[in-house]
Structures are given as structure tokens and as C-alpha cells.
Amino acid sequence: MAQGHEVIGLPELAPAVTPYRRFLVLKKLMQEKQIDILHTHDTGALADGAQCRMFGSKTRLVHTFHFGNYPILRKRYVLMEMVFSRMANHLVAVGIEQAKQIRKALRLSSSRLDTIYNGVGLPTFDSSADPIKPYRIRPGHPVVIGSISTLTEQKGLTFLLEAADILRRRKTNCIFLIVGDGPLRRELESKCKRLSLTDTVHFLGWVPNAGSNLLPFLDIFCQSSLWEANSIVLLEAMAAGLPIVTTDVGESKHVIEEGRSGRIVRSRDPAGMADALAVLVDQQELRQQVGRSAKQDFVDNFIVDKMIARYQEVYNSLM
């Protein structure tokens, strides 16, 4: 809205309309606004857009898949995506590995699914306003390792805590900041206490615009996910020039070059994660070198302008 774009909430237009008839509201809106292309990003929106086309709308439909754990998806959602994706003019996956999963789960041919990587912008931040300075200036000046996510099972944070416990017992000079909130916060905090990690691991809760306000000030970024498609925060960490340790899920092996721009470890492997983190904690020059490589790879491949250009090509081809 601040950039002059009109934002319309469909439930606000017709609060009494059930979700199963929402597509009728959308169809009418697209006619009134003379919308040429509808771009959807989740299963419900895809269903709405597809039904609009089934009932006569001439608006072209582009759909981007963001889920990263096919076929582990409720059967009804798989069936919905299988049916309604056939009505789209253009289908997009955000990663090579995700595209393989989607083709198999939804029985799509290679020609029906394009791959366009996610993209983010370079962070803008005040380098003098270090929000984690109180942690950095502790006795011994520990290396600060950060994780930013919603606190859910997908993010594998129980394994990150176990890795932190291994490093604590080795007396590795580091602390962990877990940024975000979610349904597992109490469980994770309880585990933290059981492992005597309260001085090593700190839960910061939600931090507004964490990708710019906190991420660039970390020393190392760690992602412990059990599954992903193409992680936005991983790209943000690269943009911030951070050395990265990430699990081998989703697109990580295509985004991170092992040993050069980060370390890739098996998911559910806290010992492997601890080993990879320890090498970076102990070697400041290596951290800086790996971080520079990560940022260069980001600029070359994942900056938001490249994503926009790819989608512009799609829109132009449909017009």
C-alpha cells in the first residue's frame, strides 16, 4: 500500500460468503478491475483461481508452489492441487528438488512446471546499532550463532539444542540466539533447562524485520530444518554475508556450495551440526571467507531483481 499498490481483502468484501463460494467474489472482482493475470501462492488461492477459469474467467492464472515436503501433505490438499493445477496457465516451483517432488506427487509432466528461485534484497541496516551487543561483550566474547524461524517441528530446533549441548560440554566459545515464536516455544525452553543450556541458548521471540534488524549482526547462521522448499531466511543470511550451517533439505545443496559458502549437514544429526559449527567458531578468518563467498553467490544468483525478471518473462509470455 505504501508503494501505491491497491490491497483488497476478499473476506472484507463479502464476510458472509463461505470459503467454497469465495471464487465467485474473486471472479467478480477480477472483472471489475480488469485483471489480466492472477498469481496465487497457496492451495486455497489456487482453487479459487482455477474455479474462476472453470466458470468462464479469461484471466490468466500463474501459481507458485511454496510447500517443501511433498508428498507429506494432507490427501485432500494433494488432490486439490492435482486437479486445480491443470487449470493454471503457468506453474512455478521455487527449487529444483521441490519441482521433482511436485511432479511426482501431482503427476505433472516436466513441461508443465517451471522453476524460478526465490529472491530477496540486500539488507539495509545501521551497522552501529548492534542489537546483540549485550551477548557479544560477555566474558570471553563468545561467537554468536543465530537461528530465525517459526518454532515448529519443521524447523528441527530440538536437534539444534542438542548440538548446542554438545558444544557446551566441549566448552566451545559460543552462544545461540533463537529468534521467533510458535507452538513449540515452551517445549523448547523446557528442554533448554533440562540440558542446562540457559546460559548458552537464548530465546528472543519475534523480532520485527529480523532479516535486517538482527540477522546481519550474527557471526554464524544455522538452519536445522527437517524440510524446506527454498528457504527465504537462508537467502537472507547469504545476503548478509554470514557463514552458514544448514541441513541437507530442500534446495540447500543447490544454494550452498559445501565448504565454500557454508556447511551442509544431515538433518536430525546434532553431532554433525556441532562439528560443522565448531570449525567456524574456532576460525574467524574462515568465517569471514565463507561469509564473503555466500554473499557473492547470493548476488550472482538469488538477488530479488533476478526473480522479478523471471516472473516478468512469465507475465509477458501470457499477455
C-alpha atoms as a PDB file:
ATOM      1  CA  MET A   1       0.000   0.000   0.000  1.00  0.00           C
ATOM      2  CA  ALA A   2       2.819   2.394   0.847  1.00  0.00           C
ATOM      3  CA  GLN A   3       4.176   1.900  -2.678  1.00  0.00           C
ATOM      4  CA  GLY A   4       0.858   2.807  -4.274  1.00  0.00           C
ATOM      5  CA  HIS A   5      -0.449  -0.725  -4.823  1.00  0.00           C
ATOM      6  CA  GLU A   6      -4.076  -1.444  -4.050  1.00  0.00           C
ATOM      7  CA  VAL A   7      -4.601  -4.203  -1.471  1.00  0.00           C
ATOM      8  CA  ILE A   8      -8.021  -5.835  -1.282  1.00  0.00           C
ATOM      9  CA  GLY A   9      -9.049  -8.465   1.257  1.00  0.00           C
ATOM     10  CA  LEU A  10     -11.663 -10.832  -0.166  1.00  0.00           C
ATOM     11  CA  PRO A  11     -13.263 -11.702   3.212  1.00  0.00           C
ATOM     12  CA  GLU A  12     -13.753  -7.976   3.828  1.00  0.00           C
ATOM     13  CA  LEU A  13     -15.645  -7.661   0.541  1.00  0.00           C
ATOM     14  CA  ALA A  14     -18.117 -10.417   1.400  1.00  0.00           C
ATOM     15  CA  PRO A  15     -17.780 -11.576   5.027  1.00  0.00           C
ATOM     16  CA  ALA A  16     -20.868 -13.802   4.801  1.00  0.00           C
ATOM     17  CA  VAL A  17     -19.557 -15.810   1.837  1.00  0.00           C
ATOM     18  CA  THR A  18     -18.305 -19.298   2.680  1.00  0.00           C
ATOM     19  CA  PRO A  19     -14.798 -20.308   1.527  1.00  0.00           C
ATOM     20  CA  TYR A  20     -16.395 -22.645  -1.027  1.00  0.00           C
ATOM     21  CA  ARG A  21     -18.048 -19.689  -2.787  1.00  0.00           C
ATOM     22  CA  ARG A  22     -15.191 -17.233  -2.393  1.00  0.00           C
ATOM     23  CA  PHE A  23     -14.155 -17.775  -6.004  1.00  0.00           C
ATOM     24  CA  LEU A  24     -17.386 -16.048  -7.095  1.00  0.00           C
ATOM     25  CA  VAL A  25     -16.343 -12.898  -5.228  1.00  0.00           C
ATOM     26  CA  LEU A  26     -12.895 -13.146  -6.790  1.00  0.00           C
ATOM     27  CA  LYS A  27     -14.331 -13.658 -10.274  1.00  0.00           C
ATOM     28  CA  LYS A  28     -16.500 -10.549  -9.944  1.00  0.00           C
ATOM     29  CA  LEU A  29     -13.577  -8.525  -8.602  1.00  0.00           C
ATOM     30  CA  MET A  30     -11.308  -9.549 -11.498  1.00  0.00           C
ATOM     31  CA  GLN A  31     -13.983  -8.480 -13.980  1.00  0.00           C
ATOM     32  CA  GLU A  32     -14.458  -5.104 -12.276  1.00  0.00           C
ATOM     33  CA  LYS A  33     -10.723  -4.418 -12.014  1.00  0.00           C
ATOM     34  CA  GLN A  34      -9.992  -5.865 -15.492  1.00  0.00           C
ATOM     35  CA  ILE A  35      -7.264  -8.079 -14.079  1.00  0.00           C
ATOM     36  CA  ASP A  36      -5.238  -9.819 -16.783  1.00  0.00           C
ATOM     37  CA  ILE A  37      -3.113 -12.140 -14.627  1.00  0.00           C
ATOM     38  CA  LEU A  38      -3.869 -13.730 -11.266  1.00  0.00           C
ATOM     39  CA  HIS A  39      -0.838 -15.045  -9.347  1.00  0.00           C
ATOM     40  CA  THR A  40      -1.620 -17.435  -6.488  1.00  0.00           C
ATOM     41  CA  HIS A  41       0.652 -18.831  -3.788  1.00  0.00           C
ATOM     42  CA  ASP A  42      -1.265 -21.391  -1.727  1.00  0.00           C
ATOM     43  CA  THR A  43      -3.715 -24.227  -2.284  1.00  0.00           C
ATOM     44  CA  GLY A  44      -6.840 -22.259  -1.383  1.00  0.00           C
ATOM     45  CA  ALA A  45      -5.979 -19.394  -3.698  1.00  0.00           C
ATOM     46  CA  LEU A  46      -5.134 -21.848  -6.487  1.00  0.00           C
ATOM     47  CA  ALA A  47      -8.559 -23.454  -6.040  1.00  0.00           C
ATOM     48  CA  ASP A  48     -10.267 -20.054  -6.220  1.00  0.00           C
ATOM     49  CA  GLY A  49      -8.373 -19.002  -9.325  1.00  0.00           C
ATOM     50  CA  ALA A  50      -8.908 -22.339 -11.070  1.00  0.00           C
ATOM     51  CA  GLN A  51     -12.660 -22.261 -10.399  1.00  0.00           C
ATOM     52  CA  CYS A  52     -12.830 -18.744 -11.812  1.00  0.00           C
ATOM     53  CA  ARG A  53     -11.347 -20.075 -15.035  1.00  0.00           C
ATOM     54  CA  MET A  54     -13.631 -23.107 -14.998  1.00  0.00           C
ATOM     55  CA  PHE A  55     -16.614 -20.758 -14.855  1.00  0.00           C
ATOM     56  CA  GLY A  56     -15.588 -18.532 -17.729  1.00  0.00           C
ATOM     57  CA  SER A  57     -12.963 -16.089 -16.477  1.00  0.00           C
ATOM     58  CA  LYS A  58     -10.384 -15.140 -19.117  1.00  0.00           C
ATOM     59  CA  THR A  59      -7.820 -14.028 -16.533  1.00  0.00           C
ATOM     60  CA  ARG A  60      -4.567 -15.954 -16.895  1.00  0.00           C
ATOM     61  CA  LEU A  61      -3.564 -17.946 -13.842  1.00  0.00           C
ATOM     62  CA  VAL A  62       0.006 -18.322 -12.543  1.00  0.00           C
ATOM     63  CA  HIS A  63       0.603 -20.451  -9.465  1.00  0.00           C
ATOM     64  CA  THR A  64       3.796 -20.741  -7.389  1.00  0.00           C
ATOM     65  CA  PHE A  65       4.208 -23.735  -5.092  1.00  0.00           C
ATOM     66  CA  HIS A  66       5.922 -22.941  -1.778  1.00  0.00           C
ATOM     67  CA  PHE A  67       5.412 -26.118   0.256  1.00  0.00           C
ATOM     68  CA  GLY A  68       8.567 -28.190   0.582  1.00  0.00           C
ATOM     69  CA  ASN A  69       7.602 -31.605   1.900  1.00  0.00           C
ATOM     70  CA  TYR A  70       5.649 -33.416  -0.802  1.00  0.00           C
ATOM     71  CA  PRO A  71       4.066 -35.942  -0.630  1.00  0.00           C
ATOM     72  CA  ILE A  72       3.695 -35.406   3.164  1.00  0.00           C
ATOM     73  CA  LEU A  73       0.627 -33.250   2.698  1.00  0.00           C
ATOM     74  CA  ARG A  74      -2.988 -33.930   3.606  1.00  0.00           C
ATOM     75  CA  LYS A  75      -4.529 -36.106   0.930  1.00  0.00           C
ATOM     76  CA  ARG A  76      -7.315 -33.633   0.197  1.00  0.00           C
ATOM     77  CA  TYR A  77      -4.771 -30.882  -0.474  1.00  0.00           C
ATOM     78  CA  VAL A  78      -2.794 -33.132  -2.793  1.00  0.00           C
ATOM     79  CA  LEU A  79      -5.997 -33.947  -4.681  1.00  0.00           C
ATOM     80  CA  MET A  80      -6.979 -30.269  -4.831  1.00  0.00           C
ATOM     81  CA  GLU A  81      -3.579 -29.274  -6.205  1.00  0.00           C
ATOM     82  CA  MET A  82      -3.602 -32.187  -8.637  1.00  0.00           C
ATOM     83  CA  VAL A  83      -6.976 -31.107 -10.053  1.00  0.00           C
ATOM     84  CA  PHE A  84      -6.742 -27.330  -9.931  1.00  0.00           C
ATOM     85  CA  SER A  85      -3.141 -27.067 -11.157  1.00  0.00           C
ATOM     86  CA  ARG A  86      -4.436 -28.353 -14.515  1.00  0.00           C
ATOM     87  CA  MET A  87      -6.379 -25.110 -14.886  1.00  0.00           C
ATOM     88  CA  ALA A  88      -3.331 -22.857 -14.437  1.00  0.00           C
ATOM     89  CA  ASN A  89      -1.608 -21.273 -17.426  1.00  0.00           C
ATOM     90  CA  HIS A  90       1.796 -21.428 -15.763  1.00  0.00           C
ATOM     91  CA  LEU A  91       3.078 -23.407 -12.756  1.00  0.00           C
ATOM     92  CA  VAL A  92       6.221 -22.487 -10.834  1.00  0.00           C
ATOM     93  CA  ALA A  93       8.363 -24.342  -8.310  1.00  0.00           C
ATOM     94  CA  VAL A  94      10.854 -22.389  -6.199  1.00  0.00           C
ATOM     95  CA  GLY A  95      13.582 -25.032  -6.350  1.00  0.00           C
ATOM     96  CA  ILE A  96      14.893 -27.998  -8.302  1.00  0.00           C
ATOM     97  CA  GLU A  97      14.303 -30.531  -5.528  1.00  0.00           C
ATOM     98  CA  GLN A  98      10.824 -29.206  -4.811  1.00  0.00           C
ATOM     99  CA  ALA A  99       9.989 -29.433  -8.520  1.00  0.00           C
ATOM    100  CA  LYS A 100      10.913 -33.136  -8.507  1.00  0.00           C
ATOM    101  CA  GLN A 101       8.618 -33.736  -5.531  1.00  0.00           C
ATOM    102  CA  ILE A 102       5.739 -31.816  -7.114  1.00  0.00           C
ATOM    103  CA  ARG A 103       5.967 -33.589 -10.461  1.00  0.00           C
ATOM    104  CA  LYS A 104       5.814 -36.957  -8.747  1.00  0.00           C
ATOM    105  CA  ALA A 105       3.098 -36.099  -6.205  1.00  0.00           C
ATOM    106  CA  LEU A 106       0.812 -34.243  -8.635  1.00  0.00           C
ATOM    107  CA  ARG A 107       1.699 -36.333 -11.709  1.00  0.00           C
ATOM    108  CA  LEU A 108       2.813 -33.350 -13.750  1.00  0.00           C
ATOM    109  CA  SER A 109       4.987 -33.520 -16.836  1.00  0.00           C
ATOM    110  CA  SER A 110       8.267 -31.589 -16.914  1.00  0.00           C
ATOM    111  CA  SER A 111       6.852 -29.166 -19.467  1.00  0.00           C
ATOM    112  CA  ARG A 112       4.067 -28.153 -17.065  1.00  0.00           C
ATOM    113  CA  LEU A 113       6.314 -26.910 -14.274  1.00  0.00           C
ATOM    114  CA  ASP A 114       8.864 -24.106 -14.404  1.00  0.00           C
ATOM    115  CA  THR A 115      11.495 -23.414 -11.712  1.00  0.00           C
ATOM    116  CA  ILE A 116      12.118 -19.872 -10.511  1.00  0.00           C
ATOM    117  CA  TYR A 117      14.276 -19.399  -7.434  1.00  0.00           C
ATOM    118  CA  ASN A 118      13.105 -17.195  -4.585  1.00  0.00           C
ATOM    119  CA  GLY A 119      14.921 -13.911  -4.305  1.00  0.00           C
ATOM    120  CA  VAL A 120      15.428 -11.286  -1.600  1.00  0.00           C
ATOM    121  CA  GLY A 121      17.028  -7.874  -1.461  1.00  0.00           C
ATOM    122  CA  LEU A 122      20.297  -6.881   0.169  1.00  0.00           C
ATOM    123  CA  PRO A 123      19.666  -5.909   3.808  1.00  0.00           C
ATOM    124  CA  THR A 124      19.743  -2.256   4.796  1.00  0.00           C
ATOM    125  CA  PHE A 125      20.787  -1.723   8.396  1.00  0.00           C
ATOM    126  CA  ASP A 126      22.581   0.630  10.761  1.00  0.00           C
ATOM    127  CA  SER A 127      25.870  -1.114  11.492  1.00  0.00           C
ATOM    128  CA  SER A 128      26.344   0.952  14.673  1.00  0.00           C
ATOM    129  CA  ALA A 129      23.059  -0.209  16.230  1.00  0.00           C
ATOM    130  CA  ASP A 130      24.114  -3.720  17.234  1.00  0.00           C
ATOM    131  CA  PRO A 131      21.055  -5.316  18.914  1.00  0.00           C
ATOM    132  CA  ILE A 132      23.010  -8.332  20.144  1.00  0.00           C
ATOM    133  CA  LYS A 133      25.925  -6.402  21.646  1.00  0.00           C
ATOM    134  CA  PRO A 134      24.956  -7.467  25.202  1.00  0.00           C
ATOM    135  CA  TYR A 135      25.547 -11.098  24.169  1.00  0.00           C
ATOM    136  CA  ARG A 136      28.724 -10.362  22.219  1.00  0.00           C
ATOM    137  CA  ILE A 137      30.515  -8.497  25.027  1.00  0.00           C
ATOM    138  CA  ARG A 138      30.082 -11.254  27.590  1.00  0.00           C
ATOM    139  CA  PRO A 139      33.254 -12.634  29.225  1.00  0.00           C
ATOM    140  CA  GLY A 140      35.350 -14.339  26.590  1.00  0.00           C
ATOM    141  CA  HIS A 141      33.462 -12.550  23.763  1.00  0.00           C
ATOM    142  CA  PRO A 142      31.573 -15.642  22.536  1.00  0.00           C
ATOM    143  CA  VAL A 143      30.810 -16.240  18.866  1.00  0.00           C
ATOM    144  CA  VAL A 144      27.091 -15.600  18.285  1.00  0.00           C
ATOM    145  CA  ILE A 145      25.195 -18.290  16.380  1.00  0.00           C
ATOM    146  CA  GLY A 146      21.646 -17.449  15.333  1.00  0.00           C
ATOM    147  CA  SER A 147      18.540 -19.228  14.088  1.00  0.00           C
ATOM    148  CA  ILE A 148      15.455 -17.402  12.814  1.00  0.00           C
ATOM    149  CA  SER A 149      12.216 -19.314  12.263  1.00  0.00           C
ATOM    150  CA  THR A 150       8.731 -20.106  13.450  1.00  0.00           C
ATOM    151  CA  LEU A 151       9.133 -22.540  16.334  1.00  0.00           C
ATOM    152  CA  THR A 152       7.518 -25.607  14.774  1.00  0.00           C
ATOM    153  CA  GLU A 153       8.505 -29.234  14.246  1.00  0.00           C
ATOM    154  CA  GLN A 154       9.604 -28.460  10.673  1.00  0.00           C
ATOM    155  CA  LYS A 155      12.485 -26.296  11.890  1.00  0.00           C
ATOM    156  CA  GLY A 156      14.216 -29.120  13.789  1.00  0.00           C
ATOM    157  CA  LEU A 157      15.121 -26.923  16.748  1.00  0.00           C
ATOM    158  CA  THR A 158      15.266 -29.821  19.215  1.00  0.00           C
ATOM    159  CA  PHE A 159      18.291 -31.041  17.248  1.00  0.00           C
ATOM    160  CA  LEU A 160      19.802 -27.561  17.330  1.00  0.00           C
ATOM    161  CA  LEU A 161      19.513 -27.592  21.136  1.00  0.00           C
ATOM    162  CA  GLU A 162      21.248 -30.964  21.223  1.00  0.00           C
ATOM    163  CA  ALA A 163      24.046 -29.544  19.065  1.00  0.00           C
ATOM    164  CA  ALA A 164      24.308 -26.599  21.459  1.00  0.00           C
ATOM    165  CA  ASP A 165      24.579 -29.053  24.366  1.00  0.00           C
ATOM    166  CA  ILE A 166      27.439 -30.884  22.630  1.00  0.00           C
ATOM    167  CA  LEU A 167      29.308 -27.611  22.102  1.00  0.00           C
ATOM    168  CA  ARG A 168      28.670 -26.524  25.706  1.00  0.00           C
ATOM    169  CA  ARG A 169      30.125 -29.776  27.023  1.00  0.00           C
ATOM    170  CA  ARG A 170      33.153 -29.267  24.761  1.00  0.00           C
ATOM    171  CA  LYS A 171      33.486 -25.740  26.221  1.00  0.00           C
ATOM    172  CA  THR A 172      33.261 -24.222  22.710  1.00  0.00           C
ATOM    173  CA  ASN A 173      33.179 -20.428  22.993  1.00  0.00           C
ATOM    174  CA  CYS A 174      29.745 -19.656  21.523  1.00  0.00           C
ATOM    175  CA  ILE A 175      26.170 -18.809  22.381  1.00  0.00           C
ATOM    176  CA  PHE A 176      22.936 -19.397  20.456  1.00  0.00           C
ATOM    177  CA  LEU A 177      20.138 -16.894  19.784  1.00  0.00           C
ATOM    178  CA  ILE A 178      16.825 -18.421  18.702  1.00  0.00           C
ATOM    179  CA  VAL A 179      14.650 -15.775  17.100  1.00  0.00           C
ATOM    180  CA  GLY A 180      10.952 -16.383  16.535  1.00  0.00           C
ATOM    181  CA  ASP A 181       7.916 -17.783  18.287  1.00  0.00           C
ATOM    182  CA  GLY A 182       5.483 -20.601  17.775  1.00  0.00           C
ATOM    183  CA  PRO A 183       3.708 -23.606  19.281  1.00  0.00           C
ATOM    184  CA  LEU A 184       6.904 -25.372  20.393  1.00  0.00           C
ATOM    185  CA  ARG A 185       8.410 -22.486  22.356  1.00  0.00           C
ATOM    186  CA  ARG A 186       7.518 -23.793  25.828  1.00  0.00           C
ATOM    187  CA  GLU A 187       8.681 -27.299  24.953  1.00  0.00           C
ATOM    188  CA  LEU A 188      11.975 -25.974  23.596  1.00  0.00           C
ATOM    189  CA  GLU A 189      12.538 -23.737  26.619  1.00  0.00           C
ATOM    190  CA  SER A 190      11.861 -26.699  28.925  1.00  0.00           C
ATOM    191  CA  LYS A 191      14.373 -28.825  27.028  1.00  0.00           C
ATOM    192  CA  CYS A 192      16.847 -25.982  27.270  1.00  0.00           C
ATOM    193  CA  LYS A 193      16.528 -26.029  31.065  1.00  0.00           C
ATOM    194  CA  ARG A 194      16.822 -29.829  31.246  1.00  0.00           C
ATOM    195  CA  LEU A 195      20.075 -29.647  29.267  1.00  0.00           C
ATOM    196  CA  SER A 196      21.386 -26.785  31.469  1.00  0.00           C
ATOM    197  CA  LEU A 197      21.600 -24.525  28.418  1.00  0.00           C
ATOM    198  CA  THR A 198      20.040 -21.377  29.872  1.00  0.00           C
ATOM    199  CA  ASP A 199      23.394 -19.530  29.720  1.00  0.00           C
ATOM    200  CA  THR A 200      24.152 -20.861  26.230  1.00  0.00           C
ATOM    201  CA  VAL A 201      20.816 -20.613  24.392  1.00  0.00           C
ATOM    202  CA  HIS A 202      18.591 -17.525  24.491  1.00  0.00           C
ATOM    203  CA  PHE A 203      15.063 -17.220  23.100  1.00  0.00           C
ATOM    204  CA  LEU A 204      14.428 -13.711  21.770  1.00  0.00           C
ATOM    205  CA  GLY A 205      10.861 -14.174  20.495  1.00  0.00           C
ATOM    206  CA  TRP A 206       9.669 -12.299  17.419  1.00  0.00           C
ATOM    207  CA  VAL A 207      11.977  -9.532  16.228  1.00  0.00           C
ATOM    208  CA  PRO A 208      10.382  -7.095  13.724  1.00  0.00           C
ATOM    209  CA  ASN A 209      12.154  -7.264  10.338  1.00  0.00           C
ATOM    210  CA  ALA A 210      14.681  -9.713  11.775  1.00  0.00           C
ATOM    211  CA  GLY A 211      16.292 -10.152   8.348  1.00  0.00           C
ATOM    212  CA  SER A 212      17.541  -6.551   8.525  1.00  0.00           C
ATOM    213  CA  ASN A 213      17.366  -5.669  12.214  1.00  0.00           C
ATOM    214  CA  LEU A 214      19.170  -8.689  13.662  1.00  0.00           C
ATOM    215  CA  LEU A 215      20.460 -11.186  11.100  1.00  0.00           C
ATOM    216  CA  PRO A 216      23.401  -9.065   9.794  1.00  0.00           C
ATOM    217  CA  PHE A 217      24.826  -8.816  13.318  1.00  0.00           C
ATOM    218  CA  LEU A 218      25.202 -12.562  13.858  1.00  0.00           C
ATOM    219  CA  ASP A 219      28.544 -14.312  13.465  1.00  0.00           C
ATOM    220  CA  ILE A 220      27.092 -17.587  12.107  1.00  0.00           C
ATOM    221  CA  PHE A 221      23.632 -18.546  10.856  1.00  0.00           C
ATOM    222  CA  CYS A 222      22.381 -22.072  11.491  1.00  0.00           C
ATOM    223  CA  GLN A 223      19.291 -23.689   9.966  1.00  0.00           C
ATOM    224  CA  SER A 224      18.298 -27.051  11.441  1.00  0.00           C
ATOM    225  CA  SER A 225      15.164 -27.678   9.343  1.00  0.00           C
ATOM    226  CA  LEU A 226      13.722 -31.128   8.657  1.00  0.00           C
ATOM    227  CA  TRP A 227      12.265 -29.945   5.355  1.00  0.00           C
ATOM    228  CA  GLU A 228      12.139 -26.779   3.240  1.00  0.00           C
ATOM    229  CA  ALA A 229      11.378 -25.745  -0.317  1.00  0.00           C
ATOM    230  CA  ASN A 230      13.724 -22.810  -0.939  1.00  0.00           C
ATOM    231  CA  SER A 231      14.272 -21.100   2.395  1.00  0.00           C
ATOM    232  CA  ILE A 232      13.930 -17.310   2.381  1.00  0.00           C
ATOM    233  CA  VAL A 233      15.892 -16.836   5.609  1.00  0.00           C
ATOM    234  CA  LEU A 234      18.754 -18.896   4.174  1.00  0.00           C
ATOM    235  CA  LEU A 235      18.949 -16.446   1.273  1.00  0.00           C
ATOM    236  CA  GLU A 236      18.746 -13.523   3.714  1.00  0.00           C
ATOM    237  CA  ALA A 237      21.689 -14.972   5.651  1.00  0.00           C
ATOM    238  CA  MET A 238      23.690 -15.198   2.419  1.00  0.00           C
ATOM    239  CA  ALA A 239      22.746 -11.609   1.570  1.00  0.00           C
ATOM    240  CA  ALA A 240      24.037 -10.547   4.987  1.00  0.00           C
ATOM    241  CA  GLY A 241      27.379 -12.220   4.242  1.00  0.00           C
ATOM    242  CA  LEU A 242      27.117 -14.803   7.010  1.00  0.00           C
ATOM    243  CA  PRO A 243      28.810 -18.188   7.112  1.00  0.00           C
ATOM    244  CA  ILE A 244      26.034 -20.788   7.185  1.00  0.00           C
ATOM    245  CA  VAL A 245      25.484 -24.258   8.566  1.00  0.00           C
ATOM    246  CA  THR A 246      22.325 -25.818   7.166  1.00  0.00           C
ATOM    247  CA  THR A 247      20.719 -29.228   6.909  1.00  0.00           C
ATOM    248  CA  ASP A 248      20.588 -31.086   3.602  1.00  0.00           C
ATOM    249  CA  VAL A 249      16.919 -30.415   2.935  1.00  0.00           C
ATOM    250  CA  GLY A 250      15.083 -28.687   0.121  1.00  0.00           C
ATOM    251  CA  GLU A 251      17.275 -26.572  -2.091  1.00  0.00           C
ATOM    252  CA  SER A 252      20.208 -26.189   0.308  1.00  0.00           C
ATOM    253  CA  LYS A 253      22.652 -28.287  -1.758  1.00  0.00           C
ATOM    254  CA  HIS A 254      21.904 -26.139  -4.827  1.00  0.00           C
ATOM    255  CA  VAL A 255      22.122 -22.852  -2.911  1.00  0.00           C
ATOM    256  CA  ILE A 256      25.093 -23.529  -0.627  1.00  0.00           C
ATOM    257  CA  GLU A 257      28.390 -24.831  -2.006  1.00  0.00           C
ATOM    258  CA  GLU A 258      29.713 -27.214   0.639  1.00  0.00           C
ATOM    259  CA  GLY A 259      32.868 -25.889   2.257  1.00  0.00           C
ATOM    260  CA  ARG A 260      32.939 -22.692   0.204  1.00  0.00           C
ATOM    261  CA  SER A 261      29.803 -20.713   1.075  1.00  0.00           C
ATOM    262  CA  GLY A 262      28.710 -22.815   4.040  1.00  0.00           C
ATOM    263  CA  ARG A 263      28.473 -26.284   5.529  1.00  0.00           C
ATOM    264  CA  ILE A 264      25.711 -28.787   4.771  1.00  0.00           C
ATOM    265  CA  VAL A 265      24.940 -31.454   7.370  1.00  0.00           C
ATOM    266  CA  ARG A 266      22.389 -34.235   7.600  1.00  0.00           C
ATOM    267  CA  SER A 267      19.063 -33.383   9.205  1.00  0.00           C
ATOM    268  CA  ARG A 268      18.427 -34.871  12.664  1.00  0.00           C
ATOM    269  CA  ASP A 269      22.197 -35.082  13.215  1.00  0.00           C
ATOM    270  CA  PRO A 270      23.151 -32.831  16.159  1.00  0.00           C
ATOM    271  CA  ALA A 271      26.687 -34.249  16.348  1.00  0.00           C
ATOM    272  CA  GLY A 272      27.362 -33.405  12.698  1.00  0.00           C
ATOM    273  CA  MET A 273      25.859 -29.952  13.186  1.00  0.00           C
ATOM    274  CA  ALA A 274      28.009 -29.352  16.263  1.00  0.00           C
ATOM    275  CA  ASP A 275      31.167 -30.403  14.390  1.00  0.00           C
ATOM    276  CA  ALA A 276      30.430 -28.048  11.479  1.00  0.00           C
ATOM    277  CA  LEU A 277      29.662 -25.149  13.820  1.00  0.00           C
ATOM    278  CA  ALA A 278      32.781 -25.777  15.915  1.00  0.00           C
ATOM    279  CA  VAL A 279      35.081 -25.370  12.898  1.00  0.00           C
ATOM    280  CA  LEU A 280      33.562 -21.971  12.110  1.00  0.00           C
ATOM    281  CA  VAL A 281      33.524 -20.871  15.760  1.00  0.00           C
ATOM    282  CA  ASP A 282      37.229 -21.635  16.146  1.00  0.00           C
ATOM    283  CA  GLN A 283      38.391 -19.924  12.935  1.00  0.00           C
ATOM    284  CA  GLN A 284      37.479 -16.268  12.492  1.00  0.00           C
ATOM    285  CA  GLU A 285      39.268 -15.911   9.144  1.00  0.00           C
ATOM    286  CA  LEU A 286      37.404 -18.928   7.787  1.00  0.00           C
ATOM    287  CA  ARG A 287      34.089 -17.433   8.951  1.00  0.00           C
ATOM    288  CA  GLN A 288      34.840 -14.236   7.078  1.00  0.00           C
ATOM    289  CA  GLN A 289      35.961 -16.049   3.936  1.00  0.00           C
ATOM    290  CA  VAL A 290      32.894 -18.321   3.861  1.00  0.00           C
ATOM    291  CA  GLY A 291      30.607 -15.345   4.524  1.00  0.00           C
ATOM    292  CA  ARG A 292      32.096 -13.395   1.604  1.00  0.00           C
ATOM    293  CA  SER A 293      31.576 -16.373  -0.706  1.00  0.00           C
ATOM    294  CA  ALA A 294      27.969 -16.754   0.446  1.00  0.00           C
ATOM    295  CA  LYS A 295      27.253 -13.094  -0.287  1.00  0.00           C
ATOM    296  CA  GLN A 296      28.852 -13.270  -3.731  1.00  0.00           C
ATOM    297  CA  ASP A 297      26.795 -16.352  -4.622  1.00  0.00           C
ATOM    298  CA  PHE A 298      23.698 -14.541  -3.430  1.00  0.00           C
ATOM    299  CA  VAL A 299      24.368 -11.506  -5.631  1.00  0.00           C
ATOM    300  CA  ASP A 300      25.114 -13.727  -8.615  1.00  0.00           C
ATOM    301  CA  ASN A 301      22.072 -15.980  -8.305  1.00  0.00           C
ATOM    302  CA  PHE A 302      19.449 -15.046  -5.734  1.00  0.00           C
ATOM    303  CA  ILE A 303      19.058 -11.282  -5.562  1.00  0.00           C
ATOM    304  CA  VAL A 304      15.426 -10.245  -5.887  1.00  0.00           C
ATOM    305  CA  ASP A 305      15.928  -8.490  -9.234  1.00  0.00           C
ATOM    306  CA  LYS A 306      16.662 -11.836 -10.891  1.00  0.00           C
ATOM    307  CA  MET A 307      13.441 -13.357  -9.533  1.00  0.00           C
ATOM    308  CA  ILE A 308      11.421 -10.345 -10.679  1.00  0.00           C
ATOM    309  CA  ALA A 309      12.914 -10.557 -14.163  1.00  0.00           C
ATOM    310  CA  ARG A 310      11.964 -14.233 -14.443  1.00  0.00           C
ATOM    311  CA  TYR A 311       8.391 -13.592 -13.386  1.00  0.00           C
ATOM    312  CA  GLN A 312       8.190 -10.635 -15.773  1.00  0.00           C
ATOM    313  CA  GLU A 313       9.117 -13.039 -18.568  1.00  0.00           C
ATOM    314  CA  VAL A 314       6.266 -15.324 -17.498  1.00  0.00           C
ATOM    315  CA  TYR A 315       3.766 -12.466 -17.383  1.00  0.00           C
ATOM    316  CA  ASN A 316       4.875 -11.169 -20.767  1.00  0.00           C
ATOM    317  CA  SER A 317       4.519 -14.611 -22.340  1.00  0.00           C
ATOM    318  CA  LEU A 318       0.946 -14.856 -21.078  1.00  0.00           C
ATOM    319  CA  MET A 319      -0.013 -11.432 -22.427  1.00  0.00           C
END
